[in-house]
C-alpha atoms as a PDB file:
ATOM      1  CA  MET A   1       7.827  31.756 -15.507  1.00  0.00           C
ATOM      2  CA  ASP A   2       4.206  31.664 -16.644  1.00  0.00           C
ATOM      3  CA  HIS A   3       4.294  27.883 -16.519  1.00  0.00           C
ATOM      4  CA  VAL A   4       5.185  27.930 -12.819  1.00  0.00           C
ATOM      5  CA  ASN A   5       2.345  30.324 -12.067  1.00  0.00           C
ATOM      6  CA  GLU A   6      -0.080  27.964 -13.813  1.00  0.00           C
ATOM      7  CA  ILE A   7       0.839  24.896 -11.749  1.00  0.00           C
ATOM      8  CA  LEU A   8       1.408  26.707  -8.444  1.00  0.00           C
ATOM      9  CA  PRO A   9      -2.223  26.267  -7.262  1.00  0.00           C
ATOM     10  CA  PHE A  10      -1.735  22.505  -7.590  1.00  0.00           C
ATOM     11  CA  LEU A  11       1.729  22.419  -6.009  1.00  0.00           C
ATOM     12  CA  ILE A  12       0.928  24.315  -2.821  1.00  0.00           C
ATOM     13  CA  PRO A  13      -1.633  21.783  -1.475  1.00  0.00           C
ATOM     14  CA  LEU A  14       0.650  18.916  -2.507  1.00  0.00           C
ATOM     15  CA  ILE A  15       3.563  20.448  -0.595  1.00  0.00           C
ATOM     16  CA  ILE A  16       1.372  21.010   2.464  1.00  0.00           C
ATOM     17  CA  VAL A  17       0.187  17.381   2.423  1.00  0.00           C
ATOM     18  CA  GLN A  18       3.753  16.155   1.958  1.00  0.00           C
ATOM     19  CA  PHE A  19       5.075  18.054   4.986  1.00  0.00           C
ATOM     20  CA  ALA A  20       2.050  17.112   7.101  1.00  0.00           C
ATOM     21  CA  LEU A  21       2.614  13.422   6.308  1.00  0.00           C
ATOM     22  CA  LEU A  22       6.333  13.768   7.039  1.00  0.00           C
ATOM     23  CA  GLY A  23       5.616  15.522  10.353  1.00  0.00           C
ATOM     24  CA  TYR A  24       3.104  12.885  11.444  1.00  0.00           C
ATOM     25  CA  THR A  25       5.494  10.098  10.468  1.00  0.00           C
ATOM     26  CA  LEU A  26       8.362  11.618  12.448  1.00  0.00           C
ATOM     27  CA  TYR A  27       6.047  12.164  15.426  1.00  0.00           C
ATOM     28  CA  HIS A  28       4.954   8.527  15.270  1.00  0.00           C
ATOM     29  CA  ILE A  29       8.519   7.242  15.001  1.00  0.00           C
ATOM     30  CA  PHE A  30       9.686   9.288  18.009  1.00  0.00           C
ATOM     31  CA  THR A  31       6.718   8.359  20.230  1.00  0.00           C
ATOM     32  CA  HIS A  32       6.646   4.603  19.627  1.00  0.00           C
ATOM     33  CA  LYS A  33       9.176   1.971  20.634  1.00  0.00           C
ATOM     34  CA  ASN A  34       8.046  -1.106  18.698  1.00  0.00           C
ATOM     35  CA  TYR A  35       8.303  -1.599  14.940  1.00  0.00           C
ATOM     36  CA  LYS A  36       7.463  -4.544  12.684  1.00  0.00           C
ATOM     37  CA  ARG A  37      10.813  -4.427  10.904  1.00  0.00           C
ATOM     38  CA  GLY A  38      13.957  -2.503  11.756  1.00  0.00           C
ATOM     39  CA  ASP A  39      14.434  -0.020  14.554  1.00  0.00           C
ATOM     40  CA  ARG A  40      13.972   3.694  15.111  1.00  0.00           C
ATOM     41  CA  THR A  41      17.235   4.666  13.401  1.00  0.00           C
ATOM     42  CA  VAL A  42      16.459   2.682  10.250  1.00  0.00           C
ATOM     43  CA  TRP A  43      13.003   4.218   9.913  1.00  0.00           C
ATOM     44  CA  LEU A  44      14.304   7.734  10.539  1.00  0.00           C
ATOM     45  CA  VAL A  45      16.856   7.314   7.748  1.00  0.00           C
ATOM     46  CA  ILE A  46      14.297   5.824   5.351  1.00  0.00           C
ATOM     47  CA  THR A  47      11.755   8.532   6.152  1.00  0.00           C
ATOM     48  CA  LEU A  48      14.187  11.434   5.785  1.00  0.00           C
ATOM     49  CA  ILE A  49      15.905  10.152   2.645  1.00  0.00           C
ATOM     50  CA  GLY A  50      12.628   9.300   0.930  1.00  0.00           C
ATOM     51  CA  MET A  51      10.682  12.205   2.365  1.00  0.00           C
ATOM     52  CA  GLU A  52       8.752  12.901  -0.797  1.00  0.00           C
ATOM     53  CA  PHE A  53       5.860  10.618   0.138  1.00  0.00           C
ATOM     54  CA  ILE A  54       7.820   7.406  -0.382  1.00  0.00           C
ATOM     55  CA  GLY A  55       9.581   7.292   3.007  1.00  0.00           C
ATOM     56  CA  PRO A  56       6.464   7.943   5.108  1.00  0.00           C
ATOM     57  CA  ILE A  57       4.380   5.542   3.024  1.00  0.00           C
ATOM     58  CA  LEU A  58       7.021   2.812   3.425  1.00  0.00           C
ATOM     59  CA  TYR A  59       7.022   3.383   7.182  1.00  0.00           C
ATOM     60  CA  PHE A  60       3.250   3.090   7.536  1.00  0.00           C
ATOM     61  CA  ALA A  61       3.135   0.065   5.214  1.00  0.00           C
ATOM     62  CA  PHE A  62       6.058  -1.930   6.598  1.00  0.00           C
ATOM     63  CA  GLY A  63       7.347  -0.433   9.846  1.00  0.00           C
ATOM     64  CA  LYS A  64       4.418   0.687  11.952  1.00  0.00           C
ATOM     65  CA  GLU A  65       3.540  -1.803  14.680  1.00  0.00           C
ATOM     66  CA  GLU A  66      -0.176  -2.507  15.001  1.00  0.00           C
ATOM     67  CA  SER A  67      -1.690  -1.177  18.230  1.00  0.00           C
END
């Protein structure tokens, strides 16, 4: 249990950033209609399955249409 208490100050900001990135990604997916590859359903599945940074990063790298 002491080990968890030692790394907790590092985990809390990481968890906050992770959920903020996931929230912004979901917001972007729901408010935009055009994507480089795939459609809304594909990007929702990818984002939710890989929600530990990988899904949102994949969306912004490969799915987000340039404005």
